[in-house]
Amino acid sequence: MTPLRQRMIENMQVRNLSAVTQRVYVDQVALYARHFGKSPAVLGPEEIRQYQLYLTKEKKLSASSILVAGAAIRFLYKVTLKKEWRIEEVVPTCKKPQKLPVVLSPEEVARFLGCIDSNKHRVILTICYATGLRISEAVRLKAASIDSQRMVIRVEQGKGRKDRYVMLSPKLLEVLRGYWRAEQPKEWRHGSPLT
């Protein structure tokens, strides 16, 4: 591991960036360096501009992928290498198109969930659909996270390592209670609010 990579990783750890963000940033900076065959420490604003054009025109990456690469490069130069450039001008952010999400009808949702054989996986996807939780958040839920008195679910250390509450619908509560009765999951056995 190069000293530059090690320093960048330490800078991300000190700032408490998630392990996924750290891995993505390191990978993006490695791709940037590999593109030029040089250490990023010797590259400058013109190479950054060329690389962003390469990602846009040749690789034809989506705006969100280009934003991630830009964020990684911005972190490298602003935090790790402490360049005095006006980083926002050197590594501009591209405009991300605003798209409305596809909303399934209740019948389509029921048909989709009905195709899932595993009861556990069906419940996880039902939680995601009913609450807007990410898969990683839904699979980490514990019985203690479900507050059937206040009808909320506490999400601990979600995206950005933030805690938050989401609404618990009566219908989802019944799904969770049915799953608990049918499966008796070990991690949900003691003091379950689902009984």
N, C-alpha and C. Protein backbone atom coordinates (compact mmCIF):
# COMPACT_ATOMS: atom_id res chain seq x y z
N MET A 1 0.84 -1.17 0.00
CA MET A 1 0.00 0.00 0.00
C MET A 1 0.89 1.25 0.00
N THR A 2 0.57 2.17 -0.89
CA THR A 2 1.38 3.39 -0.97
C THR A 2 1.11 4.28 0.24
N PRO A 3 2.07 5.12 0.59
CA PRO A 3 1.85 6.06 1.71
C PRO A 3 0.66 6.99 1.46
N LEU A 4 0.46 7.40 0.19
CA LEU A 4 -0.66 8.28 -0.14
C LEU A 4 -2.00 7.60 0.13
N ARG A 5 -2.10 6.35 -0.32
CA ARG A 5 -3.34 5.60 -0.08
C ARG A 5 -3.57 5.41 1.41
N GLN A 6 -2.52 5.08 2.15
CA GLN A 6 -2.63 4.88 3.59
C GLN A 6 -3.11 6.17 4.28
N ARG A 7 -2.54 7.30 3.86
CA ARG A 7 -2.92 8.58 4.47
C ARG A 7 -4.37 8.92 4.14
N MET A 8 -4.80 8.65 2.91
CA MET A 8 -6.18 8.92 2.53
C MET A 8 -7.14 8.06 3.35
N ILE A 9 -6.81 6.78 3.52
CA ILE A 9 -7.65 5.89 4.33
C ILE A 9 -7.73 6.40 5.77
N GLU A 10 -6.60 6.78 6.33
CA GLU A 10 -6.59 7.31 7.70
C GLU A 10 -7.42 8.57 7.81
N ASN A 11 -7.34 9.46 6.79
CA ASN A 11 -8.15 10.67 6.80
C ASN A 11 -9.64 10.35 6.76
N MET A 12 -10.02 9.32 6.02
CA MET A 12 -11.42 8.93 5.97
C MET A 12 -11.86 8.31 7.29
N GLN A 13 -10.97 7.51 7.90
CA GLN A 13 -11.30 6.89 9.19
C GLN A 13 -11.48 7.95 10.28
N VAL A 14 -10.60 8.94 10.30
CA VAL A 14 -10.70 10.02 11.28
C VAL A 14 -12.03 10.76 11.14
N ARG A 15 -12.51 10.88 9.91
CA ARG A 15 -13.77 11.58 9.66
C ARG A 15 -14.97 10.64 9.77
N ASN A 16 -14.72 9.40 10.16
CA ASN A 16 -15.77 8.42 10.42
C ASN A 16 -16.61 8.11 9.18
N LEU A 17 -15.98 8.12 8.01
CA LEU A 17 -16.69 7.73 6.80
C LEU A 17 -16.94 6.23 6.86
N SER A 18 -18.05 5.80 6.31
CA SER A 18 -18.39 4.37 6.37
C SER A 18 -17.36 3.55 5.60
N ALA A 19 -17.28 2.27 5.95
CA ALA A 19 -16.33 1.37 5.28
C ALA A 19 -16.63 1.29 3.78
N VAL A 20 -17.89 1.34 3.41
CA VAL A 20 -18.27 1.29 1.99
C VAL A 20 -17.77 2.54 1.28
N THR A 21 -17.96 3.71 1.89
CA THR A 21 -17.49 4.96 1.28
C THR A 21 -15.98 4.94 1.13
N GLN A 22 -15.28 4.46 2.15
CA GLN A 22 -13.82 4.39 2.09
C GLN A 22 -13.37 3.51 0.92
N ARG A 23 -14.00 2.35 0.79
CA ARG A 23 -13.62 1.43 -0.28
C ARG A 23 -13.89 2.05 -1.65
N VAL A 24 -15.05 2.67 -1.80
CA VAL A 24 -15.42 3.29 -3.08
C VAL A 24 -14.44 4.42 -3.43
N TYR A 25 -14.13 5.29 -2.46
CA TYR A 25 -13.22 6.40 -2.72
C TYR A 25 -11.83 5.90 -3.11
N VAL A 26 -11.32 4.90 -2.41
CA VAL A 26 -10.00 4.35 -2.73
C VAL A 26 -10.03 3.75 -4.13
N ASP A 27 -11.08 3.02 -4.47
CA ASP A 27 -11.20 2.43 -5.80
C ASP A 27 -11.25 3.50 -6.89
N GLN A 28 -12.01 4.57 -6.63
CA GLN A 28 -12.14 5.64 -7.63
C GLN A 28 -10.81 6.36 -7.85
N VAL A 29 -10.09 6.63 -6.78
CA VAL A 29 -8.79 7.29 -6.92
C VAL A 29 -7.80 6.37 -7.62
N ALA A 30 -7.87 5.08 -7.36
CA ALA A 30 -6.99 4.12 -8.04
C ALA A 30 -7.28 4.11 -9.55
N LEU A 31 -8.55 4.15 -9.93
CA LEU A 31 -8.91 4.20 -11.36
C LEU A 31 -8.38 5.48 -12.01
N TYR A 32 -8.51 6.58 -11.30
CA TYR A 32 -8.01 7.88 -11.78
C TYR A 32 -6.49 7.82 -11.99
N ALA A 33 -5.75 7.30 -11.01
CA ALA A 33 -4.30 7.20 -11.12
C ALA A 33 -3.90 6.25 -12.25
N ARG A 34 -4.60 5.12 -12.35
CA ARG A 34 -4.30 4.13 -13.39
C ARG A 34 -4.54 4.71 -14.78
N HIS A 35 -5.56 5.55 -14.91
CA HIS A 35 -5.86 6.16 -16.22
C HIS A 35 -4.65 6.93 -16.75
N PHE A 36 -3.95 7.64 -15.87
CA PHE A 36 -2.79 8.42 -16.29
C PHE A 36 -1.47 7.69 -16.08
N GLY A 37 -1.49 6.59 -15.35
CA GLY A 37 -0.27 5.85 -15.08
C GLY A 37 0.68 6.61 -14.17
N LYS A 38 0.13 7.46 -13.32
CA LYS A 38 0.95 8.27 -12.42
C LYS A 38 0.26 8.40 -11.06
N SER A 39 1.04 8.78 -10.07
CA SER A 39 0.48 9.06 -8.76
C SER A 39 -0.40 10.30 -8.85
N PRO A 40 -1.56 10.31 -8.18
CA PRO A 40 -2.41 11.51 -8.18
C PRO A 40 -1.70 12.73 -7.62
N ALA A 41 -0.67 12.51 -6.80
CA ALA A 41 0.06 13.63 -6.20
C ALA A 41 0.74 14.50 -7.25
N VAL A 42 1.07 13.93 -8.42
CA VAL A 42 1.74 14.71 -9.46
C VAL A 42 0.76 15.19 -10.54
N LEU A 43 -0.50 14.85 -10.39
CA LEU A 43 -1.51 15.28 -11.34
C LEU A 43 -2.17 16.56 -10.83
N GLY A 44 -2.77 17.31 -11.74
CA GLY A 44 -3.36 18.58 -11.33
C GLY A 44 -4.70 18.84 -11.98
N PRO A 45 -5.13 20.10 -11.96
CA PRO A 45 -6.45 20.47 -12.48
C PRO A 45 -6.71 20.05 -13.92
N GLU A 46 -5.71 20.16 -14.78
CA GLU A 46 -5.94 19.78 -16.18
C GLU A 46 -6.21 18.28 -16.32
N GLU A 47 -5.47 17.47 -15.56
CA GLU A 47 -5.70 16.01 -15.62
C GLU A 47 -7.08 15.65 -15.04
N ILE A 48 -7.48 16.36 -14.02
CA ILE A 48 -8.81 16.12 -13.44
C ILE A 48 -9.89 16.42 -14.48
N ARG A 49 -9.73 17.53 -15.18
CA ARG A 49 -10.68 17.91 -16.23
C ARG A 49 -10.70 16.85 -17.34
N GLN A 50 -9.52 16.43 -17.77
CA GLN A 50 -9.44 15.39 -18.81
C GLN A 50 -10.13 14.11 -18.35
N TYR A 51 -9.92 13.75 -17.08
CA TYR A 51 -10.50 12.51 -16.56
C TYR A 51 -12.03 12.61 -16.52
N GLN A 52 -12.53 13.76 -16.11
CA GLN A 52 -13.99 13.91 -16.08
C GLN A 52 -14.58 13.85 -17.49
N LEU A 53 -13.88 14.42 -18.46
CA LEU A 53 -14.33 14.31 -19.86
C LEU A 53 -14.28 12.86 -20.32
N TYR A 54 -13.24 12.14 -19.94
CA TYR A 54 -13.12 10.73 -20.28
C TYR A 54 -14.29 9.93 -19.72
N LEU A 55 -14.63 10.18 -18.44
CA LEU A 55 -15.75 9.46 -17.82
C LEU A 55 -17.07 9.77 -18.51
N THR A 56 -17.21 11.02 -18.94
CA THR A 56 -18.46 11.45 -19.56
C THR A 56 -18.57 10.99 -21.01
N LYS A 57 -17.52 11.28 -21.80
CA LYS A 57 -17.61 11.05 -23.25
C LYS A 57 -17.25 9.63 -23.67
N GLU A 58 -16.18 9.09 -23.10
CA GLU A 58 -15.73 7.77 -23.54
C GLU A 58 -16.38 6.64 -22.74
N LYS A 59 -16.34 6.75 -21.44
CA LYS A 59 -16.93 5.70 -20.61
C LYS A 59 -18.45 5.80 -20.57
N LYS A 60 -18.98 7.00 -20.86
CA LYS A 60 -20.41 7.27 -20.87
C LYS A 60 -21.09 6.85 -19.56
N LEU A 61 -20.44 7.23 -18.45
CA LEU A 61 -20.98 6.91 -17.12
C LEU A 61 -22.18 7.79 -16.81
N SER A 62 -23.02 7.30 -15.93
CA SER A 62 -24.17 8.07 -15.50
C SER A 62 -23.70 9.24 -14.64
N ALA A 63 -24.59 10.21 -14.47
CA ALA A 63 -24.26 11.38 -13.65
C ALA A 63 -23.92 10.96 -12.22
N SER A 64 -24.64 9.99 -11.68
CA SER A 64 -24.37 9.58 -10.30
C SER A 64 -23.00 8.93 -10.17
N SER A 65 -22.56 8.17 -11.18
CA SER A 65 -21.23 7.56 -11.14
C SER A 65 -20.14 8.62 -11.24
N ILE A 66 -20.38 9.63 -12.06
CA ILE A 66 -19.41 10.72 -12.20
C ILE A 66 -19.35 11.52 -10.90
N LEU A 67 -20.48 11.70 -10.24
CA LEU A 67 -20.51 12.41 -8.95
C LEU A 67 -19.67 11.69 -7.90
N VAL A 68 -19.75 10.35 -7.88
CA VAL A 68 -18.97 9.57 -6.92
C VAL A 68 -17.48 9.72 -7.20
N ALA A 69 -17.10 9.60 -8.47
CA ALA A 69 -15.68 9.77 -8.83
C ALA A 69 -15.21 11.16 -8.44
N GLY A 70 -16.02 12.17 -8.70
CA GLY A 70 -15.65 13.55 -8.35
C GLY A 70 -15.50 13.74 -6.86
N ALA A 71 -16.39 13.13 -6.08
CA ALA A 71 -16.31 13.25 -4.62
C ALA A 71 -15.02 12.63 -4.10
N ALA A 72 -14.65 11.48 -4.65
CA ALA A 72 -13.42 10.81 -4.23
C ALA A 72 -12.19 11.66 -4.56
N ILE A 73 -12.17 12.20 -5.76
CA ILE A 73 -11.04 13.02 -6.20
C ILE A 73 -10.98 14.32 -5.38
N ARG A 74 -12.14 14.91 -5.13
CA ARG A 74 -12.21 16.12 -4.30
C ARG A 74 -11.66 15.85 -2.91
N PHE A 75 -12.04 14.71 -2.31
CA PHE A 75 -11.54 14.36 -0.98
C PHE A 75 -10.02 14.21 -1.00
N LEU A 76 -9.51 13.52 -2.01
CA LEU A 76 -8.07 13.31 -2.12
C LEU A 76 -7.31 14.63 -2.14
N TYR A 77 -7.73 15.54 -3.02
CA TYR A 77 -6.98 16.78 -3.19
C TYR A 77 -7.23 17.79 -2.08
N LYS A 78 -8.44 17.86 -1.58
CA LYS A 78 -8.77 18.86 -0.55
C LYS A 78 -8.29 18.43 0.83
N VAL A 79 -8.53 17.16 1.19
CA VAL A 79 -8.25 16.70 2.55
C VAL A 79 -6.86 16.07 2.66
N THR A 80 -6.58 15.10 1.81
CA THR A 80 -5.32 14.36 1.94
C THR A 80 -4.13 15.13 1.41
N LEU A 81 -4.24 15.70 0.23
CA LEU A 81 -3.11 16.43 -0.35
C LEU A 81 -3.13 17.92 -0.01
N LYS A 82 -4.22 18.39 0.57
CA LYS A 82 -4.36 19.78 1.03
C LYS A 82 -3.96 20.79 -0.06
N LYS A 83 -4.50 20.60 -1.25
CA LYS A 83 -4.22 21.54 -2.35
C LYS A 83 -4.97 22.84 -2.10
N GLU A 84 -4.35 23.93 -2.47
CA GLU A 84 -4.91 25.25 -2.24
C GLU A 84 -5.84 25.71 -3.36
N TRP A 85 -6.12 24.83 -4.31
CA TRP A 85 -7.00 25.21 -5.41
C TRP A 85 -8.40 25.49 -4.88
N ARG A 86 -9.19 26.22 -5.66
CA ARG A 86 -10.62 26.32 -5.36
C ARG A 86 -11.21 25.02 -5.89
N ILE A 87 -11.29 24.06 -5.01
CA ILE A 87 -11.60 22.68 -5.39
C ILE A 87 -12.94 22.56 -6.13
N GLU A 88 -13.90 23.43 -5.80
CA GLU A 88 -15.21 23.38 -6.46
C GLU A 88 -15.08 23.75 -7.94
N GLU A 89 -14.12 24.60 -8.25
CA GLU A 89 -13.89 24.98 -9.65
C GLU A 89 -13.09 23.91 -10.39
N VAL A 90 -12.16 23.29 -9.70
CA VAL A 90 -11.30 22.28 -10.33
C VAL A 90 -12.06 20.97 -10.54
N VAL A 91 -12.85 20.57 -9.55
CA VAL A 91 -13.63 19.33 -9.66
C VAL A 91 -15.11 19.69 -9.55
N PRO A 92 -15.70 20.16 -10.65
CA PRO A 92 -17.11 20.55 -10.59
C PRO A 92 -18.01 19.32 -10.46
N THR A 93 -19.17 19.55 -9.89
CA THR A 93 -20.14 18.47 -9.82
C THR A 93 -21.06 18.56 -11.03
N CYS A 94 -21.37 17.43 -11.61
CA CYS A 94 -22.27 17.44 -12.75
C CYS A 94 -23.71 17.44 -12.25
N LYS A 95 -24.59 17.92 -13.08
CA LYS A 95 -26.00 17.99 -12.72
C LYS A 95 -26.63 16.61 -12.89
N LYS A 96 -27.29 16.16 -11.84
CA LYS A 96 -27.94 14.86 -11.87
C LYS A 96 -29.38 15.04 -12.33
N PRO A 97 -29.79 14.29 -13.36
CA PRO A 97 -31.16 14.46 -13.85
C PRO A 97 -32.18 14.05 -12.78
N GLN A 98 -33.24 14.83 -12.68
CA GLN A 98 -34.31 14.53 -11.72
C GLN A 98 -35.33 13.63 -12.41
N LYS A 99 -35.47 12.43 -11.89
CA LYS A 99 -36.43 11.48 -12.46
C LYS A 99 -37.41 11.06 -11.39
N LEU A 100 -38.65 10.95 -11.78
CA LEU A 100 -39.66 10.45 -10.85
C LEU A 100 -39.50 8.93 -10.73
N PRO A 101 -39.67 8.41 -9.53
CA PRO A 101 -39.56 6.95 -9.38
C PRO A 101 -40.76 6.25 -9.99
N VAL A 102 -40.55 5.02 -10.38
CA VAL A 102 -41.66 4.19 -10.87
C VAL A 102 -42.42 3.70 -9.65
N VAL A 103 -43.71 3.95 -9.63
CA VAL A 103 -44.54 3.54 -8.50
C VAL A 103 -45.42 2.39 -8.96
N LEU A 104 -45.26 1.26 -8.28
CA LEU A 104 -46.06 0.09 -8.62
C LEU A 104 -47.45 0.22 -8.02
N SER A 105 -48.42 -0.37 -8.70
CA SER A 105 -49.78 -0.40 -8.16
C SER A 105 -49.82 -1.42 -7.02
N PRO A 106 -50.81 -1.35 -6.14
CA PRO A 106 -50.91 -2.35 -5.06
C PRO A 106 -50.97 -3.78 -5.59
N GLU A 107 -51.61 -3.96 -6.73
CA GLU A 107 -51.70 -5.31 -7.32
C GLU A 107 -50.32 -5.79 -7.79
N GLU A 108 -49.53 -4.88 -8.39
CA GLU A 108 -48.20 -5.24 -8.85
C GLU A 108 -47.28 -5.58 -7.67
N VAL A 109 -47.41 -4.82 -6.59
CA VAL A 109 -46.61 -5.10 -5.40
C VAL A 109 -46.97 -6.46 -4.83
N ALA A 110 -48.27 -6.74 -4.71
CA ALA A 110 -48.72 -8.03 -4.18
C ALA A 110 -48.24 -9.18 -5.07
N ARG A 111 -48.29 -8.98 -6.38
CA ARG A 111 -47.84 -10.02 -7.32
C ARG A 111 -46.33 -10.24 -7.18
N PHE A 112 -45.57 -9.15 -7.07
CA PHE A 112 -44.12 -9.25 -6.90
C PHE A 112 -43.78 -9.99 -5.61
N LEU A 113 -44.35 -9.57 -4.50
CA LEU A 113 -44.04 -10.20 -3.21
C LEU A 113 -44.52 -11.65 -3.17
N GLY A 114 -45.61 -11.94 -3.90
CA GLY A 114 -46.12 -13.31 -3.96
C GLY A 114 -45.19 -14.27 -4.69
N CYS A 115 -44.28 -13.74 -5.50
CA CYS A 115 -43.34 -14.58 -6.26
C CYS A 115 -42.12 -15.00 -5.43
N ILE A 116 -41.99 -14.46 -4.24
CA ILE A 116 -40.81 -14.73 -3.42
C ILE A 116 -41.10 -15.92 -2.51
N ASP A 117 -40.34 -16.99 -2.69
CA ASP A 117 -40.59 -18.23 -1.95
C ASP A 117 -40.20 -18.13 -0.48
N SER A 118 -39.11 -17.49 -0.18
CA SER A 118 -38.62 -17.41 1.19
C SER A 118 -39.44 -16.41 1.99
N ASN A 119 -40.02 -16.89 3.09
CA ASN A 119 -40.82 -16.03 3.96
C ASN A 119 -39.96 -14.88 4.49
N LYS A 120 -38.74 -15.19 4.90
CA LYS A 120 -37.83 -14.18 5.44
C LYS A 120 -37.55 -13.08 4.42
N HIS A 121 -37.24 -13.46 3.18
CA HIS A 121 -36.93 -12.49 2.14
C HIS A 121 -38.17 -11.68 1.77
N ARG A 122 -39.34 -12.32 1.76
CA ARG A 122 -40.57 -11.61 1.46
C ARG A 122 -40.85 -10.54 2.52
N VAL A 123 -40.60 -10.88 3.80
CA VAL A 123 -40.82 -9.92 4.88
C VAL A 123 -39.81 -8.77 4.78
N ILE A 124 -38.56 -9.07 4.47
CA ILE A 124 -37.55 -8.01 4.33
C ILE A 124 -37.95 -7.03 3.23
N LEU A 125 -38.37 -7.55 2.08
CA LEU A 125 -38.77 -6.67 0.98
C LEU A 125 -40.06 -5.92 1.31
N THR A 126 -40.94 -6.54 2.06
CA THR A 126 -42.17 -5.86 2.50
C THR A 126 -41.82 -4.68 3.40
N ILE A 127 -40.87 -4.90 4.32
CA ILE A 127 -40.41 -3.81 5.20
C ILE A 127 -39.84 -2.67 4.36
N CYS A 128 -39.00 -3.01 3.38
CA CYS A 128 -38.40 -1.98 2.52
C CYS A 128 -39.49 -1.20 1.79
N TYR A 129 -40.45 -1.91 1.24
CA TYR A 129 -41.51 -1.24 0.48
C TYR A 129 -42.38 -0.37 1.38
N ALA A 130 -42.73 -0.87 2.54
CA ALA A 130 -43.66 -0.16 3.42
C ALA A 130 -43.03 1.02 4.15
N THR A 131 -41.71 0.99 4.34
CA THR A 131 -41.07 2.02 5.15
C THR A 131 -40.04 2.87 4.41
N GLY A 132 -39.58 2.40 3.27
CA GLY A 132 -38.53 3.12 2.55
C GLY A 132 -37.14 2.78 3.05
N LEU A 133 -37.03 1.77 3.91
CA LEU A 133 -35.71 1.36 4.40
C LEU A 133 -34.89 0.76 3.27
N ARG A 134 -33.58 0.88 3.39
CA ARG A 134 -32.67 0.20 2.48
C ARG A 134 -32.59 -1.26 2.92
N ILE A 135 -32.18 -2.12 2.00
CA ILE A 135 -32.05 -3.55 2.32
C ILE A 135 -31.14 -3.73 3.52
N SER A 136 -29.99 -3.04 3.52
CA SER A 136 -29.03 -3.20 4.63
C SER A 136 -29.65 -2.79 5.96
N GLU A 137 -30.55 -1.81 5.95
CA GLU A 137 -31.21 -1.39 7.18
C GLU A 137 -32.25 -2.41 7.61
N ALA A 138 -32.99 -2.93 6.64
CA ALA A 138 -34.07 -3.89 6.95
C ALA A 138 -33.52 -5.19 7.52
N VAL A 139 -32.40 -5.67 6.99
CA VAL A 139 -31.87 -6.96 7.48
C VAL A 139 -31.25 -6.84 8.87
N ARG A 140 -30.94 -5.61 9.30
CA ARG A 140 -30.36 -5.42 10.63
C ARG A 140 -31.40 -5.10 11.70
N LEU A 141 -32.67 -5.04 11.33
CA LEU A 141 -33.70 -4.72 12.31
C LEU A 141 -33.77 -5.79 13.39
N LYS A 142 -34.04 -5.36 14.59
CA LYS A 142 -34.23 -6.27 15.72
C LYS A 142 -35.63 -6.01 16.27
N ALA A 143 -36.14 -6.95 17.02
CA ALA A 143 -37.48 -6.80 17.60
C ALA A 143 -37.55 -5.54 18.45
N ALA A 144 -36.48 -5.22 19.16
CA ALA A 144 -36.47 -4.03 20.02
C ALA A 144 -36.59 -2.74 19.22
N SER A 145 -36.35 -2.82 17.90
CA SER A 145 -36.45 -1.63 17.05
C SER A 145 -37.90 -1.28 16.72
N ILE A 146 -38.80 -2.22 16.97
CA ILE A 146 -40.20 -2.06 16.59
C ILE A 146 -41.00 -1.60 17.81
N ASP A 147 -41.54 -0.41 17.73
CA ASP A 147 -42.32 0.17 18.82
C ASP A 147 -43.78 0.16 18.40
N SER A 148 -44.49 -0.90 18.78
CA SER A 148 -45.89 -1.05 18.38
C SER A 148 -46.81 -0.12 19.16
N GLN A 149 -46.35 0.43 20.28
CA GLN A 149 -47.15 1.40 21.03
C GLN A 149 -47.21 2.75 20.30
N ARG A 150 -46.06 3.21 19.85
CA ARG A 150 -46.00 4.49 19.13
C ARG A 150 -46.10 4.32 17.62
N MET A 151 -46.11 3.06 17.15
CA MET A 151 -46.20 2.72 15.73
C MET A 151 -45.07 3.33 14.91
N VAL A 152 -43.83 3.10 15.41
CA VAL A 152 -42.63 3.53 14.70
C VAL A 152 -41.59 2.41 14.74
N ILE A 153 -40.66 2.48 13.83
CA ILE A 153 -39.50 1.59 13.81
C ILE A 153 -38.27 2.47 13.95
N ARG A 154 -37.41 2.10 14.87
CA ARG A 154 -36.15 2.84 15.05
C ARG A 154 -35.09 2.20 14.17
N VAL A 155 -34.53 3.00 13.27
CA VAL A 155 -33.46 2.54 12.38
C VAL A 155 -32.17 3.07 12.98
N GLU A 156 -31.30 2.15 13.37
CA GLU A 156 -30.04 2.55 13.99
C GLU A 156 -28.90 2.48 12.99
N GLN A 157 -28.12 3.55 12.95
CA GLN A 157 -26.92 3.62 12.12
C GLN A 157 -27.23 3.28 10.66
N GLY A 158 -28.22 3.96 10.10
CA GLY A 158 -28.55 3.81 8.69
C GLY A 158 -27.53 4.53 7.83
N LYS A 159 -27.95 4.93 6.64
CA LYS A 159 -27.03 5.63 5.73
C LYS A 159 -26.48 6.88 6.42
N GLY A 160 -25.19 7.08 6.28
CA GLY A 160 -24.54 8.19 6.96
C GLY A 160 -24.39 7.97 8.45
N ARG A 161 -24.56 6.72 8.87
CA ARG A 161 -24.45 6.34 10.29
C ARG A 161 -25.38 7.17 11.18
N LYS A 162 -26.59 7.41 10.67
CA LYS A 162 -27.57 8.21 11.40
C LYS A 162 -28.70 7.32 11.89
N ASP A 163 -29.19 7.62 13.09
CA ASP A 163 -30.38 6.96 13.61
C ASP A 163 -31.60 7.77 13.16
N ARG A 164 -32.71 7.08 12.95
CA ARG A 164 -33.94 7.77 12.61
C ARG A 164 -35.14 6.87 12.91
N TYR A 165 -36.32 7.46 12.89
CA TYR A 165 -37.56 6.70 13.06
C TYR A 165 -38.32 6.72 11.74
N VAL A 166 -38.99 5.61 11.44
CA VAL A 166 -39.91 5.56 10.30
C VAL A 166 -41.25 5.06 10.81
N MET A 167 -42.29 5.40 10.10
CA MET A 167 -43.64 5.02 10.52
C MET A 167 -43.85 3.51 10.34
N LEU A 168 -44.60 2.95 11.26
CA LEU A 168 -44.97 1.53 11.21
C LEU A 168 -46.46 1.46 10.96
N SER A 169 -46.86 0.97 9.81
CA SER A 169 -48.28 0.87 9.49
C SER A 169 -48.88 -0.34 10.20
N PRO A 170 -50.17 -0.30 10.51
CA PRO A 170 -50.83 -1.46 11.13
C PRO A 170 -50.69 -2.72 10.27
N LYS A 171 -50.75 -2.55 8.95
CA LYS A 171 -50.63 -3.70 8.04
C LYS A 171 -49.24 -4.33 8.14
N LEU A 172 -48.18 -3.49 8.18
CA LEU A 172 -46.82 -4.02 8.31
C LEU A 172 -46.64 -4.67 9.67
N LEU A 173 -47.21 -4.10 10.71
CA LEU A 173 -47.12 -4.70 12.05
C LEU A 173 -47.71 -6.11 12.03
N GLU A 174 -48.82 -6.30 11.33
CA GLU A 174 -49.42 -7.64 11.23
C GLU A 174 -48.51 -8.60 10.46
N VAL A 175 -47.86 -8.11 9.41
CA VAL A 175 -46.92 -8.94 8.65
C VAL A 175 -45.77 -9.37 9.57
N LEU A 176 -45.22 -8.42 10.33
CA LEU A 176 -44.11 -8.72 11.24
C LEU A 176 -44.54 -9.70 12.33
N ARG A 177 -45.74 -9.51 12.87
CA ARG A 177 -46.24 -10.43 13.90
C ARG A 177 -46.44 -11.83 13.33
N GLY A 178 -46.95 -11.90 12.11
CA GLY A 178 -47.13 -13.21 11.46
C GLY A 178 -45.79 -13.90 11.23
N TYR A 179 -44.80 -13.14 10.81
CA TYR A 179 -43.46 -13.70 10.61
C TYR A 179 -42.89 -14.19 11.95
N TRP A 180 -43.05 -13.39 12.98
CA TRP A 180 -42.53 -13.76 14.30
C TRP A 180 -43.18 -15.05 14.80
N ARG A 181 -44.50 -15.16 14.64
CA ARG A 181 -45.21 -16.37 15.10
C ARG A 181 -44.77 -17.60 14.29
N ALA A 182 -44.59 -17.42 12.99
CA ALA A 182 -44.27 -18.56 12.11
C ALA A 182 -42.81 -18.99 12.25
N GLU A 183 -41.90 -18.05 12.36
CA GLU A 183 -40.47 -18.37 12.31
C GLU A 183 -39.77 -18.37 13.67
N GLN A 184 -40.27 -17.62 14.63
CA GLN A 184 -39.63 -17.47 15.94
C GLN A 184 -38.12 -17.20 15.79
N PRO A 185 -37.74 -16.14 15.07
CA PRO A 185 -36.31 -15.88 14.86
C PRO A 185 -35.58 -15.69 16.18
N LYS A 186 -34.39 -16.30 16.28
CA LYS A 186 -33.61 -16.26 17.53
C LYS A 186 -33.37 -14.85 18.02
N GLU A 187 -32.96 -13.97 17.11
CA GLU A 187 -32.63 -12.62 17.55
C GLU A 187 -33.86 -11.82 17.96
N TRP A 188 -35.06 -12.35 17.72
CA TRP A 188 -36.28 -11.64 18.07
C TRP A 188 -37.03 -12.28 19.23
N ARG A 189 -36.48 -13.31 19.86
CA ARG A 189 -37.23 -14.06 20.86
C ARG A 189 -37.45 -13.35 22.18
N HIS A 190 -36.44 -12.68 22.69
CA HIS A 190 -36.52 -12.12 24.03
C HIS A 190 -37.11 -10.72 24.02
N GLY A 191 -38.18 -10.54 24.76
CA GLY A 191 -38.80 -9.24 24.92
C GLY A 191 -39.35 -8.67 23.63
N SER A 192 -39.94 -9.50 22.79
CA SER A 192 -40.41 -9.02 21.51
C SER A 192 -41.70 -8.21 21.65
N PRO A 193 -41.76 -7.03 21.03
CA PRO A 193 -42.99 -6.25 21.03
C PRO A 193 -43.98 -6.78 20.01
N LEU A 194 -43.62 -7.89 19.34
CA LEU A 194 -44.49 -8.44 18.30
C LEU A 194 -45.48 -9.46 18.84
N THR A 195 -45.38 -9.78 20.11
CA THR A 195 -46.29 -10.79 20.66
C THR A 195 -47.65 -10.21 20.90
